[in-house]
């Protein structure tokens, strides 16, 4: 019964499909940009497109399409989506920039020293372009699924 309810939850399915597609697309897009395969991109928090943006925009838009744009859950979805998108392009992006600077600092400080420093993750956030593309992808997924299922 729970599985039937989950599979009938169209906003959830739209969000999960957008998340999966965004994560899947990271590997070929990264190859196209860097001309090398990086399979770790499938599990990366950063990169093009933003899977966070795709998930949130698809889910929120699907809630509006299926339950109405005047529904309180849609308003809550918009608020949470705005926070997630701001965090992805702002706070986490800056944390990644800080990690890059700290890694350079550690490398310079400890070069030639036996001290081993674990590198910090540098790809934590997204550029505004990556968030925009993820948002567009999420909107297209939600609209496509709504169009197919209406």
Protein backbone atom coordinates (compact mmCIF):
# COMPACT_ATOMS: atom_id res chain seq x y z
CA UNK A 1 0.00 0.00 0.00
CA UNK A 2 2.84 2.42 0.81
CA UNK A 3 4.53 1.67 -2.52
CA UNK A 4 1.27 2.33 -4.37
CA UNK A 5 0.95 5.69 -2.63
CA UNK A 6 4.55 6.61 -3.41
CA UNK A 7 4.18 5.61 -7.06
CA UNK A 8 0.97 7.67 -7.29
CA UNK A 9 2.72 10.78 -5.92
CA UNK A 10 3.38 12.58 -9.19
CA UNK A 11 5.28 15.56 -7.74
CA UNK A 12 7.62 13.11 -5.98
CA UNK A 13 8.15 11.15 -9.20
CA UNK A 14 8.81 14.35 -11.17
CA UNK A 15 11.37 15.50 -8.59
CA UNK A 16 13.15 12.15 -8.44
CA UNK A 17 13.26 11.86 -12.23
CA UNK A 18 14.72 15.37 -12.49
CA UNK A 19 17.30 14.54 -9.79
CA UNK A 20 18.30 11.31 -11.53
CA UNK A 21 18.49 12.91 -14.97
CA UNK A 22 20.58 15.84 -13.69
CA UNK A 23 23.02 13.46 -11.97
CA UNK A 24 23.17 11.26 -15.07
CA UNK A 25 23.90 14.22 -17.35
CA UNK A 26 26.86 15.40 -15.24
CA UNK A 27 29.21 12.74 -16.65
CA UNK A 28 28.69 13.41 -20.39
CA UNK A 29 28.63 17.19 -19.83
CA UNK A 30 31.86 17.02 -17.85
CA UNK A 31 33.40 14.88 -20.62
CA UNK A 32 32.29 17.41 -23.24
CA UNK A 33 33.94 20.25 -21.28
CA UNK A 34 37.14 18.49 -20.09
CA UNK A 35 37.57 15.74 -22.72
CA UNK A 36 38.05 13.03 -20.08
CA UNK A 37 35.61 10.67 -18.40
CA UNK A 38 35.04 11.40 -14.72
CA UNK A 39 32.60 8.80 -13.41
CA UNK A 40 32.75 10.38 -9.93
CA UNK A 41 30.53 13.16 -11.27
CA UNK A 42 27.56 10.81 -10.85
CA UNK A 43 28.03 11.16 -7.10
CA UNK A 44 29.25 14.75 -7.05
CA UNK A 45 27.51 17.55 -5.16
CA UNK A 46 28.61 20.10 -7.77
CA UNK A 47 28.79 20.26 -11.53
CA UNK A 48 26.49 20.95 -14.46
CA UNK A 49 23.52 20.80 -14.08
CA UNK A 50 22.56 21.30 -10.46
CA UNK A 51 20.60 18.25 -9.35
CA UNK A 52 19.47 20.16 -6.24
CA UNK A 53 17.87 22.80 -8.44
CA UNK A 54 16.34 20.21 -10.76
CA UNK A 55 14.84 18.27 -7.82
CA UNK A 56 13.36 21.28 -6.09
CA UNK A 57 12.02 23.08 -9.17
CA UNK A 58 10.47 19.90 -10.60
CA UNK A 59 8.82 18.96 -7.29
CA UNK A 60 7.55 22.47 -6.57
CA UNK A 61 6.26 23.07 -10.09
CA UNK A 62 4.58 19.65 -10.12
CA UNK A 63 2.81 20.48 -6.84
CA UNK A 64 1.50 23.66 -8.46
CA UNK A 65 0.45 21.88 -11.64
CA UNK A 66 -1.32 18.98 -9.92
CA UNK A 67 -2.76 20.65 -6.80
CA UNK A 68 -2.99 24.30 -7.79
CA UNK A 69 -0.71 27.29 -7.52
CA UNK A 70 -2.89 28.63 -4.72
CA UNK A 71 -2.24 25.56 -2.53
CA UNK A 72 -0.27 26.24 0.69
CA UNK A 73 2.08 23.34 -0.11
CA UNK A 74 3.07 25.12 -3.33
CA UNK A 75 3.90 28.26 -1.33
CA UNK A 76 6.02 26.18 1.06
CA UNK A 77 7.73 24.52 -1.92
CA UNK A 78 8.59 27.91 -3.44
CA UNK A 79 10.09 29.09 -0.15
CA UNK A 80 12.19 25.95 0.32
CA UNK A 81 13.24 25.99 -3.36
CA UNK A 82 14.47 29.57 -3.00
CA UNK A 83 16.55 28.58 0.04
CA UNK A 84 18.03 25.52 -1.70
CA UNK A 85 18.89 27.48 -4.87
CA UNK A 86 20.48 30.29 -2.86
CA UNK A 87 22.47 27.78 -0.84
CA UNK A 88 23.62 25.87 -3.93
CA UNK A 89 24.84 28.96 -5.78
CA UNK A 90 25.86 31.04 -2.79
CA UNK A 91 26.89 29.42 0.48
CA UNK A 92 28.09 26.04 -0.82
CA UNK A 93 29.82 27.69 -3.80
CA UNK A 94 31.77 29.94 -1.46
CA UNK A 95 32.65 26.96 0.75
CA UNK A 96 34.12 25.29 -2.36
CA UNK A 97 36.17 28.41 -3.18
CA UNK A 98 37.45 28.46 0.40
CA UNK A 99 38.39 24.78 0.13
CA UNK A 100 40.41 25.53 -3.02
CA UNK A 101 42.31 28.31 -1.25
CA UNK A 102 42.95 26.17 1.83
CA UNK A 103 44.21 23.29 -0.31
CA UNK A 104 46.71 25.63 -2.01
CA UNK A 105 47.74 26.99 1.39
CA UNK A 106 48.26 23.49 2.80
CA UNK A 107 50.25 22.45 -0.27
CA UNK A 108 52.52 25.48 0.06
CA UNK A 109 52.92 25.19 3.82
CA UNK A 110 53.63 21.49 3.95
CA UNK A 111 55.54 20.86 0.75
CA UNK A 112 58.55 18.79 1.59
CA UNK A 113 57.17 18.05 5.05
CA UNK A 114 56.15 14.56 6.23
CA UNK A 115 52.81 15.97 7.42
CA UNK A 116 49.93 14.59 5.36
CA UNK A 117 46.87 16.77 4.97
CA UNK A 118 43.66 15.40 3.54
CA UNK A 119 42.44 17.56 0.67
CA UNK A 120 39.16 19.34 1.21
CA UNK A 121 36.31 18.85 -1.26
CA UNK A 122 36.38 21.77 -3.65
CA UNK A 123 33.28 21.00 -5.69
CA UNK A 124 30.59 21.71 -3.11
CA UNK A 125 28.35 24.23 -4.79
CA UNK A 126 27.25 25.44 -8.16
CA UNK A 127 27.77 28.44 -10.36
CA UNK A 128 24.63 30.48 -11.02
CA UNK A 129 24.62 29.01 -14.56
CA UNK A 130 24.62 25.45 -13.22
CA UNK A 131 21.69 26.32 -10.93
CA UNK A 132 19.82 27.96 -13.81
CA UNK A 133 20.29 24.92 -16.07
CA UNK A 134 19.22 22.59 -13.25
CA UNK A 135 16.14 24.75 -12.67
CA UNK A 136 15.24 24.70 -16.36
CA UNK A 137 15.75 20.93 -16.47
CA UNK A 138 13.51 20.50 -13.43
CA UNK A 139 10.80 22.70 -14.95
CA UNK A 140 10.94 20.78 -18.24
CA UNK A 141 10.66 17.42 -16.45
CA UNK A 142 7.68 18.59 -14.36
CA UNK A 143 5.92 20.10 -17.38
CA UNK A 144 6.61 17.03 -19.51
CA UNK A 145 5.31 14.61 -16.90
CA UNK A 146 2.25 16.79 -16.25
CA UNK A 147 1.53 16.95 -19.97
CA UNK A 148 1.84 13.16 -20.30
CA UNK A 149 -0.31 12.37 -17.25
CA UNK A 150 -3.07 14.97 -17.45
